[in-house]
Structure formats: structure tokens, C-alpha cells
């Protein structure tokens, strides 16, 4: 998005043969989002932004690490994927911890920003680039979770105001722990379609065999239970806040004849 943009772009939901030339799949390395609290937050944001977005966005919440490109012998081919996977395995990276940085937008899509607590994302991207150049890289890598595609050309000023208003009443998200990297394909014929996982690289959890052997079994169970209770509490809190928001929205919603939303 350039500084001269004033409106979003209406995304066309159609096949783009002029882009893919008949190639069926596009590949990306991505980080999956599995945390229930994060998934609930993403679903809530998509629901509140639904009047602006195309329905039917089926892509699972994820953070794109590296856009590999169209999958064939002339672009991104299986040998490059194998080389990348082996290189990632050799790094023996620890599990990643990510944080949400806030809502923003491209001209095509609103997104939830992500920040890493270390520089492992840069290391991963540099490793992947050794075997395949990134496809159409942005001037600067901005990790994010896409929330959908805009269905119309909306004024960017109003979009930013709406996103800022949404953030005002949102509690902070807990850190997102990611324990694997995934090579994913999506169909070039469906730009809103699901990702299919082709390969998965497990990340080290930080526990060694010696640590596990020396840990008292009762203490291990206690720690696990505390983690489970924390996740459940956060999920319940998020659901309660969603219900309160829904109730306020229902009370304040204008009648159809007075509504200005499309």
C-alpha cells in the first residue's frame, strides 16, 4: 500500500488464468495458528468486519513466512521444496513465540499484525531464500494474519478508523506459541480457498530428555494442568466478551430502513 492510496481495492473473485497459466497450485511456507483464544479473536474480527469483506473466505488462520510461487518445474519445483525442508531441519530451531501488534490494512485486505520475540523469522526466511527466490516479495516483510478480502472500494480513512475502534475494547492476546512450520499449497483457481499442508517441520519445544527424566511426575502433571486451566480461562473470558459485544451491538443496531451499511 502506497502513501497515495485513498481507497481499498475490490477483490475480484474469479479465476486468473493470465496469472497462473494453467498451473494448479501456489506454495507458501506458513506458521499455523492453533491457539483457541487466537482463533476466537480472529473469528470475532472477521464477523465484525463481514460487511466490508467477501463472504466465503475459507483459508485457515496462518502467518505467511515465505511465498514460494507457482508449483511447477519452471517456478517452484519439488526439489527446491525438499532442499528447503532439509535446511530448516538442520537449523534445529526452538518453538516460536509471537505476539499480536494490532490491526491494520493493505489495500486488498485487513490484517492482524504479528511480532516475534526473537529474530528467528528472519533466519527462516533467509534460509528458504537460499534455495528459491521469494515470489513477488514486498519491500519489507510484515508478518500478519489476513482477515479476508474487501468486496468494494472503501475509503481507507474510514477503514483505519473502524479498525482503531475495534481495537479499543479488545483485551490483549496471550503470546502465540508455534511448534511447527508448514509448506502449504492453495488452489490457483480459488483465491479464497483452503490451504493444504504438504510438509511439516517440527520445532523444538525446549524440553530435553534429561529435563523430562529429572522432573517429578506429580510436578509435571501440576504444570500441565495449570497450563490447561489458563487456556480455558482465557477462552471463557474471550467468549464472555464476545457475548457482551454482541448484546451491545444488537441493542445499538439500527433498523434495516435506517442502516447505511451495504
C-alpha atoms as a PDB file:
ATOM      1  CA  UNK A   1       0.000   0.000   0.000  1.00  0.00           C
ATOM      2  CA  UNK A   2       1.476   3.335  -1.060  1.00  0.00           C
ATOM      3  CA  UNK A   3       1.073   6.677   0.634  1.00  0.00           C
ATOM      4  CA  UNK A   4      -1.080   7.899  -2.263  1.00  0.00           C
ATOM      5  CA  UNK A   5      -3.765   5.216  -1.895  1.00  0.00           C
ATOM      6  CA  UNK A   6      -7.105   6.619  -0.744  1.00  0.00           C
ATOM      7  CA  UNK A   7      -9.367   3.567  -1.125  1.00  0.00           C
ATOM      8  CA  UNK A   8      -9.228  -0.167  -0.764  1.00  0.00           C
ATOM      9  CA  UNK A   9      -9.352  -2.348  -3.846  1.00  0.00           C
ATOM     10  CA  UNK A  10     -12.350  -4.543  -4.587  1.00  0.00           C
ATOM     11  CA  UNK A  11     -11.002  -8.078  -4.964  1.00  0.00           C
ATOM     12  CA  UNK A  12     -12.368  -9.975  -7.936  1.00  0.00           C
ATOM     13  CA  UNK A  13     -13.493 -13.489  -7.044  1.00  0.00           C
ATOM     14  CA  UNK A  14     -12.650 -15.240 -10.283  1.00  0.00           C
ATOM     15  CA  UNK A  15     -10.090 -17.473 -11.886  1.00  0.00           C
ATOM     16  CA  UNK A  16      -6.936 -15.655 -13.072  1.00  0.00           C
ATOM     17  CA  UNK A  17      -5.503 -17.708 -15.964  1.00  0.00           C
ATOM     18  CA  UNK A  18      -3.443 -14.710 -17.055  1.00  0.00           C
ATOM     19  CA  UNK A  19      -1.578 -15.152 -13.766  1.00  0.00           C
ATOM     20  CA  UNK A  20      -1.332 -18.909 -13.238  1.00  0.00           C
ATOM     21  CA  UNK A  21      -1.228 -20.004 -16.881  1.00  0.00           C
ATOM     22  CA  UNK A  22      -2.977 -23.261 -16.052  1.00  0.00           C
ATOM     23  CA  UNK A  23      -0.729 -24.151 -13.090  1.00  0.00           C
ATOM     24  CA  UNK A  24      -2.954 -25.630 -10.408  1.00  0.00           C
ATOM     25  CA  UNK A  25      -1.189 -24.769  -7.140  1.00  0.00           C
ATOM     26  CA  UNK A  26       0.669 -21.972  -5.389  1.00  0.00           C
ATOM     27  CA  UNK A  27       3.064 -22.715  -2.493  1.00  0.00           C
ATOM     28  CA  UNK A  28       3.851 -20.831   0.725  1.00  0.00           C
ATOM     29  CA  UNK A  29       5.717 -21.626   3.904  1.00  0.00           C
ATOM     30  CA  UNK A  30       3.487 -20.643   6.803  1.00  0.00           C
ATOM     31  CA  UNK A  31       3.042 -20.737  10.568  1.00  0.00           C
ATOM     32  CA  UNK A  32      -0.255 -22.318  11.671  1.00  0.00           C
ATOM     33  CA  UNK A  33      -2.448 -20.648  14.279  1.00  0.00           C
ATOM     34  CA  UNK A  34      -3.818 -23.310  16.636  1.00  0.00           C
ATOM     35  CA  UNK A  35      -4.418 -21.427  19.898  1.00  0.00           C
ATOM     36  CA  UNK A  36      -8.174 -21.415  20.723  1.00  0.00           C
ATOM     37  CA  UNK A  37      -8.012 -17.868  22.122  1.00  0.00           C
ATOM     38  CA  UNK A  38      -6.386 -16.562  18.947  1.00  0.00           C
ATOM     39  CA  UNK A  39      -8.803 -18.476  16.729  1.00  0.00           C
ATOM     40  CA  UNK A  40     -11.748 -16.991  18.622  1.00  0.00           C
ATOM     41  CA  UNK A  41     -10.330 -13.471  18.300  1.00  0.00           C
ATOM     42  CA  UNK A  42      -9.808 -13.924  14.550  1.00  0.00           C
ATOM     43  CA  UNK A  43     -13.338 -15.269  14.103  1.00  0.00           C
ATOM     44  CA  UNK A  44     -14.757 -12.330  16.099  1.00  0.00           C
ATOM     45  CA  UNK A  45     -12.843  -9.800  13.983  1.00  0.00           C
ATOM     46  CA  UNK A  46     -13.970 -11.437  10.756  1.00  0.00           C
ATOM     47  CA  UNK A  47     -17.569 -11.362  11.960  1.00  0.00           C
ATOM     48  CA  UNK A  48     -17.386  -7.658  12.837  1.00  0.00           C
ATOM     49  CA  UNK A  49     -15.707  -6.796   9.532  1.00  0.00           C
ATOM     50  CA  UNK A  50     -18.034  -9.008   7.493  1.00  0.00           C
ATOM     51  CA  UNK A  51     -19.964  -6.089   5.895  1.00  0.00           C
ATOM     52  CA  UNK A  52     -16.710  -4.998   4.239  1.00  0.00           C
ATOM     53  CA  UNK A  53     -15.442  -8.388   3.138  1.00  0.00           C
ATOM     54  CA  UNK A  54     -16.293 -11.051   0.598  1.00  0.00           C
ATOM     55  CA  UNK A  55     -18.131 -13.975   2.186  1.00  0.00           C
ATOM     56  CA  UNK A  56     -16.660 -17.454   1.918  1.00  0.00           C
ATOM     57  CA  UNK A  57     -13.071 -16.771   2.973  1.00  0.00           C
ATOM     58  CA  UNK A  58     -12.042 -20.351   3.747  1.00  0.00           C
ATOM     59  CA  UNK A  59      -8.295 -20.001   4.269  1.00  0.00           C
ATOM     60  CA  UNK A  60      -7.242 -21.180   7.712  1.00  0.00           C
ATOM     61  CA  UNK A  61      -5.676 -18.564  10.011  1.00  0.00           C
ATOM     62  CA  UNK A  62      -1.948 -18.597   9.331  1.00  0.00           C
ATOM     63  CA  UNK A  63       1.102 -16.367   9.098  1.00  0.00           C
ATOM     64  CA  UNK A  64       2.845 -16.493   5.730  1.00  0.00           C
ATOM     65  CA  UNK A  65       6.590 -16.830   6.152  1.00  0.00           C
ATOM     66  CA  UNK A  66       7.698 -17.083   2.542  1.00  0.00           C
ATOM     67  CA  UNK A  67       5.848 -17.037  -0.777  1.00  0.00           C
ATOM     68  CA  UNK A  68       7.418 -19.763  -2.915  1.00  0.00           C
ATOM     69  CA  UNK A  69       5.322 -19.256  -6.038  1.00  0.00           C
ATOM     70  CA  UNK A  70       3.503 -21.312  -8.631  1.00  0.00           C
ATOM     71  CA  UNK A  71       4.247 -25.019  -8.330  1.00  0.00           C
ATOM     72  CA  UNK A  72       5.837 -26.466 -11.471  1.00  0.00           C
ATOM     73  CA  UNK A  73       9.265 -27.177 -12.929  1.00  0.00           C
ATOM     74  CA  UNK A  74       9.664 -23.611 -14.218  1.00  0.00           C
ATOM     75  CA  UNK A  75       8.834 -21.841 -10.966  1.00  0.00           C
ATOM     76  CA  UNK A  76       8.860 -23.629  -7.608  1.00  0.00           C
ATOM     77  CA  UNK A  77       9.571 -27.326  -8.038  1.00  0.00           C
ATOM     78  CA  UNK A  78       9.672 -30.332  -5.635  1.00  0.00           C
ATOM     79  CA  UNK A  79      13.472 -30.437  -5.454  1.00  0.00           C
ATOM     80  CA  UNK A  80      13.545 -26.887  -4.094  1.00  0.00           C
ATOM     81  CA  UNK A  81      10.895 -27.789  -1.529  1.00  0.00           C
ATOM     82  CA  UNK A  82      12.983 -30.778  -0.358  1.00  0.00           C
ATOM     83  CA  UNK A  83      16.116 -28.632  -0.104  1.00  0.00           C
ATOM     84  CA  UNK A  84      14.272 -26.009   1.925  1.00  0.00           C
ATOM     85  CA  UNK A  85      12.824 -28.628   4.287  1.00  0.00           C
ATOM     86  CA  UNK A  86      16.241 -30.206   4.898  1.00  0.00           C
ATOM     87  CA  UNK A  87      17.790 -26.805   5.567  1.00  0.00           C
ATOM     88  CA  UNK A  88      15.054 -25.926   8.055  1.00  0.00           C
ATOM     89  CA  UNK A  89      15.539 -29.237   9.858  1.00  0.00           C
ATOM     90  CA  UNK A  90      19.268 -28.594  10.138  1.00  0.00           C
ATOM     91  CA  UNK A  91      18.615 -25.282  11.919  1.00  0.00           C
ATOM     92  CA  UNK A  92      17.067 -27.153  14.878  1.00  0.00           C
ATOM     93  CA  UNK A  93      15.015 -24.112  15.736  1.00  0.00           C
ATOM     94  CA  UNK A  94      13.142 -23.796  19.020  1.00  0.00           C
ATOM     95  CA  UNK A  95       9.400 -23.282  19.133  1.00  0.00           C
ATOM     96  CA  UNK A  96       8.457 -19.718  18.220  1.00  0.00           C
ATOM     97  CA  UNK A  97       6.690 -17.222  20.438  1.00  0.00           C
ATOM     98  CA  UNK A  98       4.739 -14.499  18.654  1.00  0.00           C
ATOM     99  CA  UNK A  99       2.738 -11.500  19.800  1.00  0.00           C
ATOM    100  CA  UNK A 100      -0.149  -9.556  18.260  1.00  0.00           C
ATOM    101  CA  UNK A 101       0.719  -5.958  17.404  1.00  0.00           C
ATOM    102  CA  UNK A 102      -2.657  -4.589  16.317  1.00  0.00           C
ATOM    103  CA  UNK A 103      -4.996  -4.228  13.360  1.00  0.00           C
ATOM    104  CA  UNK A 104      -4.109  -2.598  10.073  1.00  0.00           C
ATOM    105  CA  UNK A 105      -4.871  -2.978   6.389  1.00  0.00           C
ATOM    106  CA  UNK A 106      -3.490  -3.433   2.912  1.00  0.00           C
ATOM    107  CA  UNK A 107      -5.493  -2.064   0.008  1.00  0.00           C
ATOM    108  CA  UNK A 108      -6.842  -5.580  -0.550  1.00  0.00           C
ATOM    109  CA  UNK A 109      -7.308  -6.932   2.969  1.00  0.00           C
ATOM    110  CA  UNK A 110      -7.415  -6.076   6.691  1.00  0.00           C
ATOM    111  CA  UNK A 111      -4.957  -7.918   8.900  1.00  0.00           C
ATOM    112  CA  UNK A 112      -3.798  -8.611  12.433  1.00  0.00           C
ATOM    113  CA  UNK A 113      -0.134  -7.720  12.827  1.00  0.00           C
ATOM    114  CA  UNK A 114       2.408 -10.118  14.331  1.00  0.00           C
ATOM    115  CA  UNK A 115       5.777  -9.611  16.019  1.00  0.00           C
ATOM    116  CA  UNK A 116       8.322 -12.230  17.047  1.00  0.00           C
ATOM    117  CA  UNK A 117      10.136 -12.032  20.367  1.00  0.00           C
ATOM    118  CA  UNK A 118      13.388 -13.045  18.628  1.00  0.00           C
ATOM    119  CA  UNK A 119      14.865 -12.917  15.119  1.00  0.00           C
ATOM    120  CA  UNK A 120      14.034 -16.477  14.096  1.00  0.00           C
ATOM    121  CA  UNK A 121      11.565 -15.374  11.407  1.00  0.00           C
ATOM    122  CA  UNK A 122      14.345 -13.528   9.586  1.00  0.00           C
ATOM    123  CA  UNK A 123      16.620 -16.537   9.938  1.00  0.00           C
ATOM    124  CA  UNK A 124      13.961 -18.836   8.492  1.00  0.00           C
ATOM    125  CA  UNK A 125      13.285 -16.542   5.563  1.00  0.00           C
ATOM    126  CA  UNK A 126      16.977 -16.190   4.763  1.00  0.00           C
ATOM    127  CA  UNK A 127      17.365 -19.974   4.840  1.00  0.00           C
ATOM    128  CA  UNK A 128      14.424 -20.515   2.482  1.00  0.00           C
ATOM    129  CA  UNK A 129      15.721 -17.880   0.066  1.00  0.00           C
ATOM    130  CA  UNK A 130      18.976 -19.819  -0.381  1.00  0.00           C
ATOM    131  CA  UNK A 131      17.134 -22.398  -2.488  1.00  0.00           C
ATOM    132  CA  UNK A 132      14.369 -20.389  -4.127  1.00  0.00           C
ATOM    133  CA  UNK A 133      13.830 -16.640  -4.549  1.00  0.00           C
ATOM    134  CA  UNK A 134      10.694 -15.337  -2.906  1.00  0.00           C
ATOM    135  CA  UNK A 135       7.848 -14.731  -5.320  1.00  0.00           C
ATOM    136  CA  UNK A 136       6.930 -11.027  -5.649  1.00  0.00           C
ATOM    137  CA  UNK A 137       8.410 -10.002  -2.278  1.00  0.00           C
ATOM    138  CA  UNK A 138       7.128  -6.872  -0.573  1.00  0.00           C
ATOM    139  CA  UNK A 139       9.608  -4.040   0.118  1.00  0.00           C
ATOM    140  CA  UNK A 140       9.533  -5.095   3.780  1.00  0.00           C
ATOM    141  CA  UNK A 141       8.305  -8.323   5.357  1.00  0.00           C
ATOM    142  CA  UNK A 142       5.347  -7.703   7.667  1.00  0.00           C
ATOM    143  CA  UNK A 143       4.122 -10.872   9.379  1.00  0.00           C
ATOM    144  CA  UNK A 144       0.343 -10.819   9.706  1.00  0.00           C
ATOM    145  CA  UNK A 145      -2.879 -12.824   9.674  1.00  0.00           C
ATOM    146  CA  UNK A 146      -5.179 -11.909   6.797  1.00  0.00           C
ATOM    147  CA  UNK A 147      -8.822 -11.493   7.842  1.00  0.00           C
ATOM    148  CA  UNK A 148     -10.413 -11.605   4.371  1.00  0.00           C
ATOM    149  CA  UNK A 149     -10.628  -9.650   1.112  1.00  0.00           C
ATOM    150  CA  UNK A 150     -12.503  -6.397   0.546  1.00  0.00           C
ATOM    151  CA  UNK A 151     -15.590  -6.645  -1.626  1.00  0.00           C
ATOM    152  CA  UNK A 152     -15.733  -2.940  -2.523  1.00  0.00           C
ATOM    153  CA  UNK A 153     -13.517   0.134  -2.771  1.00  0.00           C
ATOM    154  CA  UNK A 154     -13.866   1.610   0.717  1.00  0.00           C
ATOM    155  CA  UNK A 155     -12.204   4.877   1.855  1.00  0.00           C
ATOM    156  CA  UNK A 156      -9.019   3.920   3.673  1.00  0.00           C
ATOM    157  CA  UNK A 157      -9.540   6.652   6.236  1.00  0.00           C
ATOM    158  CA  UNK A 158     -12.825   5.102   7.350  1.00  0.00           C
ATOM    159  CA  UNK A 159     -11.247   1.623   7.362  1.00  0.00           C
ATOM    160  CA  UNK A 160      -8.448   2.757   9.671  1.00  0.00           C
ATOM    161  CA  UNK A 161     -10.989   4.455  11.950  1.00  0.00           C
ATOM    162  CA  UNK A 162     -13.085   1.315  12.096  1.00  0.00           C
ATOM    163  CA  UNK A 163     -10.086  -0.885  12.903  1.00  0.00           C
ATOM    164  CA  UNK A 164      -8.960   1.535  15.622  1.00  0.00           C
ATOM    165  CA  UNK A 165     -12.448   1.459  17.155  1.00  0.00           C
ATOM    166  CA  UNK A 166     -12.419  -2.344  17.160  1.00  0.00           C
ATOM    167  CA  UNK A 167      -9.101  -2.418  18.977  1.00  0.00           C
ATOM    168  CA  UNK A 168     -10.240  -0.050  21.721  1.00  0.00           C
ATOM    169  CA  UNK A 169     -12.273  -2.639  23.620  1.00  0.00           C
ATOM    170  CA  UNK A 170     -10.146  -5.709  22.875  1.00  0.00           C
ATOM    171  CA  UNK A 171      -8.101  -7.272  25.678  1.00  0.00           C
ATOM    172  CA  UNK A 172      -4.515  -8.198  24.775  1.00  0.00           C
ATOM    173  CA  UNK A 173      -3.963 -11.640  23.331  1.00  0.00           C
ATOM    174  CA  UNK A 174      -1.657 -14.096  25.098  1.00  0.00           C
ATOM    175  CA  UNK A 175       1.582 -14.975  23.291  1.00  0.00           C
ATOM    176  CA  UNK A 176       1.122 -17.380  20.394  1.00  0.00           C
ATOM    177  CA  UNK A 177       3.329 -20.456  20.635  1.00  0.00           C
ATOM    178  CA  UNK A 178       4.117 -22.115  17.293  1.00  0.00           C
ATOM    179  CA  UNK A 179       5.760 -25.540  17.257  1.00  0.00           C
ATOM    180  CA  UNK A 180       5.933 -26.246  13.532  1.00  0.00           C
ATOM    181  CA  UNK A 181       6.484 -24.738  10.106  1.00  0.00           C
ATOM    182  CA  UNK A 182       4.259 -25.862   7.242  1.00  0.00           C
ATOM    183  CA  UNK A 183       4.687 -25.938   3.483  1.00  0.00           C
ATOM    184  CA  UNK A 184       1.176 -25.287   2.156  1.00  0.00           C
ATOM    185  CA  UNK A 185      -0.462 -25.251  -1.261  1.00  0.00           C
ATOM    186  CA  UNK A 186      -3.620 -23.454  -2.304  1.00  0.00           C
ATOM    187  CA  UNK A 187      -5.579 -23.781  -5.497  1.00  0.00           C
ATOM    188  CA  UNK A 188      -4.834 -21.022  -8.007  1.00  0.00           C
ATOM    189  CA  UNK A 189      -8.440 -21.316  -9.198  1.00  0.00           C
ATOM    190  CA  UNK A 190      -9.839 -20.238  -5.798  1.00  0.00           C
ATOM    191  CA  UNK A 191      -8.153 -17.250  -4.194  1.00  0.00           C
ATOM    192  CA  UNK A 192     -10.226 -17.699  -1.016  1.00  0.00           C
ATOM    193  CA  UNK A 193      -9.725 -21.471  -0.828  1.00  0.00           C
ATOM    194  CA  UNK A 194      -8.226 -23.570   1.955  1.00  0.00           C
ATOM    195  CA  UNK A 195      -4.570 -24.350   2.453  1.00  0.00           C
ATOM    196  CA  UNK A 196      -3.437 -27.956   2.162  1.00  0.00           C
ATOM    197  CA  UNK A 197      -0.349 -28.958   4.142  1.00  0.00           C
ATOM    198  CA  UNK A 198       2.335 -30.670   2.033  1.00  0.00           C
ATOM    199  CA  UNK A 199       5.153 -30.832   4.573  1.00  0.00           C
ATOM    200  CA  UNK A 200       5.630 -30.003   8.242  1.00  0.00           C
ATOM    201  CA  UNK A 201       8.817 -29.186  10.159  1.00  0.00           C
ATOM    202  CA  UNK A 202       8.569 -29.722  13.903  1.00  0.00           C
ATOM    203  CA  UNK A 203      10.266 -27.154  16.136  1.00  0.00           C
ATOM    204  CA  UNK A 204      11.992 -27.993  19.389  1.00  0.00           C
ATOM    205  CA  UNK A 205       9.802 -27.468  22.427  1.00  0.00           C
ATOM    206  CA  UNK A 206      12.708 -26.655  24.715  1.00  0.00           C
ATOM    207  CA  UNK A 207      12.380 -29.830  26.770  1.00  0.00           C
ATOM    208  CA  UNK A 208      15.322 -32.257  26.677  1.00  0.00           C
ATOM    209  CA  UNK A 209      15.308 -35.901  27.687  1.00  0.00           C
ATOM    210  CA  UNK A 210      17.355 -35.128  30.810  1.00  0.00           C
ATOM    211  CA  UNK A 211      14.899 -32.435  31.886  1.00  0.00           C
ATOM    212  CA  UNK A 212      11.954 -34.769  31.427  1.00  0.00           C
ATOM    213  CA  UNK A 213      13.650 -37.600  33.301  1.00  0.00           C
ATOM    214  CA  UNK A 214      14.540 -35.366  36.247  1.00  0.00           C
ATOM    215  CA  UNK A 215      11.122 -33.732  36.521  1.00  0.00           C
ATOM    216  CA  UNK A 216       8.928 -35.100  39.289  1.00  0.00           C
ATOM    217  CA  UNK A 217       5.837 -36.743  37.675  1.00  0.00           C
ATOM    218  CA  UNK A 218       3.439 -35.009  40.053  1.00  0.00           C
ATOM    219  CA  UNK A 219       5.051 -31.638  39.355  1.00  0.00           C
ATOM    220  CA  UNK A 220       4.832 -32.285  35.597  1.00  0.00           C
ATOM    221  CA  UNK A 221       1.112 -33.080  35.893  1.00  0.00           C
ATOM    222  CA  UNK A 222       0.605 -29.967  38.029  1.00  0.00           C
ATOM    223  CA  UNK A 223       2.335 -27.739  35.475  1.00  0.00           C
ATOM    224  CA  UNK A 224       0.338 -29.250  32.614  1.00  0.00           C
ATOM    225  CA  UNK A 225      -2.922 -28.773  34.500  1.00  0.00           C
ATOM    226  CA  UNK A 226      -2.061 -25.133  35.234  1.00  0.00           C
ATOM    227  CA  UNK A 227      -1.413 -24.507  31.538  1.00  0.00           C
ATOM    228  CA  UNK A 228      -4.723 -26.153  30.597  1.00  0.00           C
ATOM    229  CA  UNK A 229      -6.647 -24.085  33.152  1.00  0.00           C
ATOM    230  CA  UNK A 230      -5.015 -20.884  31.894  1.00  0.00           C
ATOM    231  CA  UNK A 231      -6.037 -21.622  28.306  1.00  0.00           C
ATOM    232  CA  UNK A 232      -9.597 -22.486  29.382  1.00  0.00           C
ATOM    233  CA  UNK A 233      -9.884 -19.292  31.425  1.00  0.00           C
ATOM    234  CA  UNK A 234      -8.684 -17.161  28.529  1.00  0.00           C
ATOM    235  CA  UNK A 235     -11.085 -18.873  26.159  1.00  0.00           C
ATOM    236  CA  UNK A 236     -14.030 -18.352  28.537  1.00  0.00           C
ATOM    237  CA  UNK A 237     -13.081 -14.706  29.011  1.00  0.00           C
ATOM    238  CA  UNK A 238     -12.920 -14.191  25.251  1.00  0.00           C
ATOM    239  CA  UNK A 239     -16.315 -15.853  24.763  1.00  0.00           C
ATOM    240  CA  UNK A 240     -17.903 -13.734  27.538  1.00  0.00           C
ATOM    241  CA  UNK A 241     -16.542 -10.562  25.972  1.00  0.00           C
ATOM    242  CA  UNK A 242     -17.878 -11.657  22.591  1.00  0.00           C
ATOM    243  CA  UNK A 243     -21.369 -12.218  24.051  1.00  0.00           C
ATOM    244  CA  UNK A 244     -21.300  -8.796  25.750  1.00  0.00           C
ATOM    245  CA  UNK A 245     -20.219  -7.165  22.479  1.00  0.00           C
ATOM    246  CA  UNK A 246     -22.974  -8.994  20.582  1.00  0.00           C
ATOM    247  CA  UNK A 247     -25.554  -7.809  23.114  1.00  0.00           C
ATOM    248  CA  UNK A 248     -24.407  -4.191  22.825  1.00  0.00           C
ATOM    249  CA  UNK A 249     -24.331  -4.412  19.030  1.00  0.00           C
ATOM    250  CA  UNK A 250     -27.875  -5.814  18.945  1.00  0.00           C
ATOM    251  CA  UNK A 251     -29.137  -3.046  21.215  1.00  0.00           C
ATOM    252  CA  UNK A 252     -27.490  -0.314  19.133  1.00  0.00           C
ATOM    253  CA  UNK A 253     -28.146  -1.739  15.674  1.00  0.00           C
ATOM    254  CA  UNK A 254     -30.431   0.482  13.550  1.00  0.00           C
ATOM    255  CA  UNK A 255     -33.437  -0.897  11.760  1.00  0.00           C
ATOM    256  CA  UNK A 256     -32.871  -2.048   8.143  1.00  0.00           C
ATOM    257  CA  UNK A 257     -34.611   1.040   6.777  1.00  0.00           C
ATOM    258  CA  UNK A 258     -32.173   3.298   8.640  1.00  0.00           C
ATOM    259  CA  UNK A 259     -28.993   1.271   8.120  1.00  0.00           C
ATOM    260  CA  UNK A 260     -26.325   2.815   5.900  1.00  0.00           C
ATOM    261  CA  UNK A 261     -24.269  -0.387   5.604  1.00  0.00           C
ATOM    262  CA  UNK A 262     -24.332  -2.350   2.379  1.00  0.00           C
END
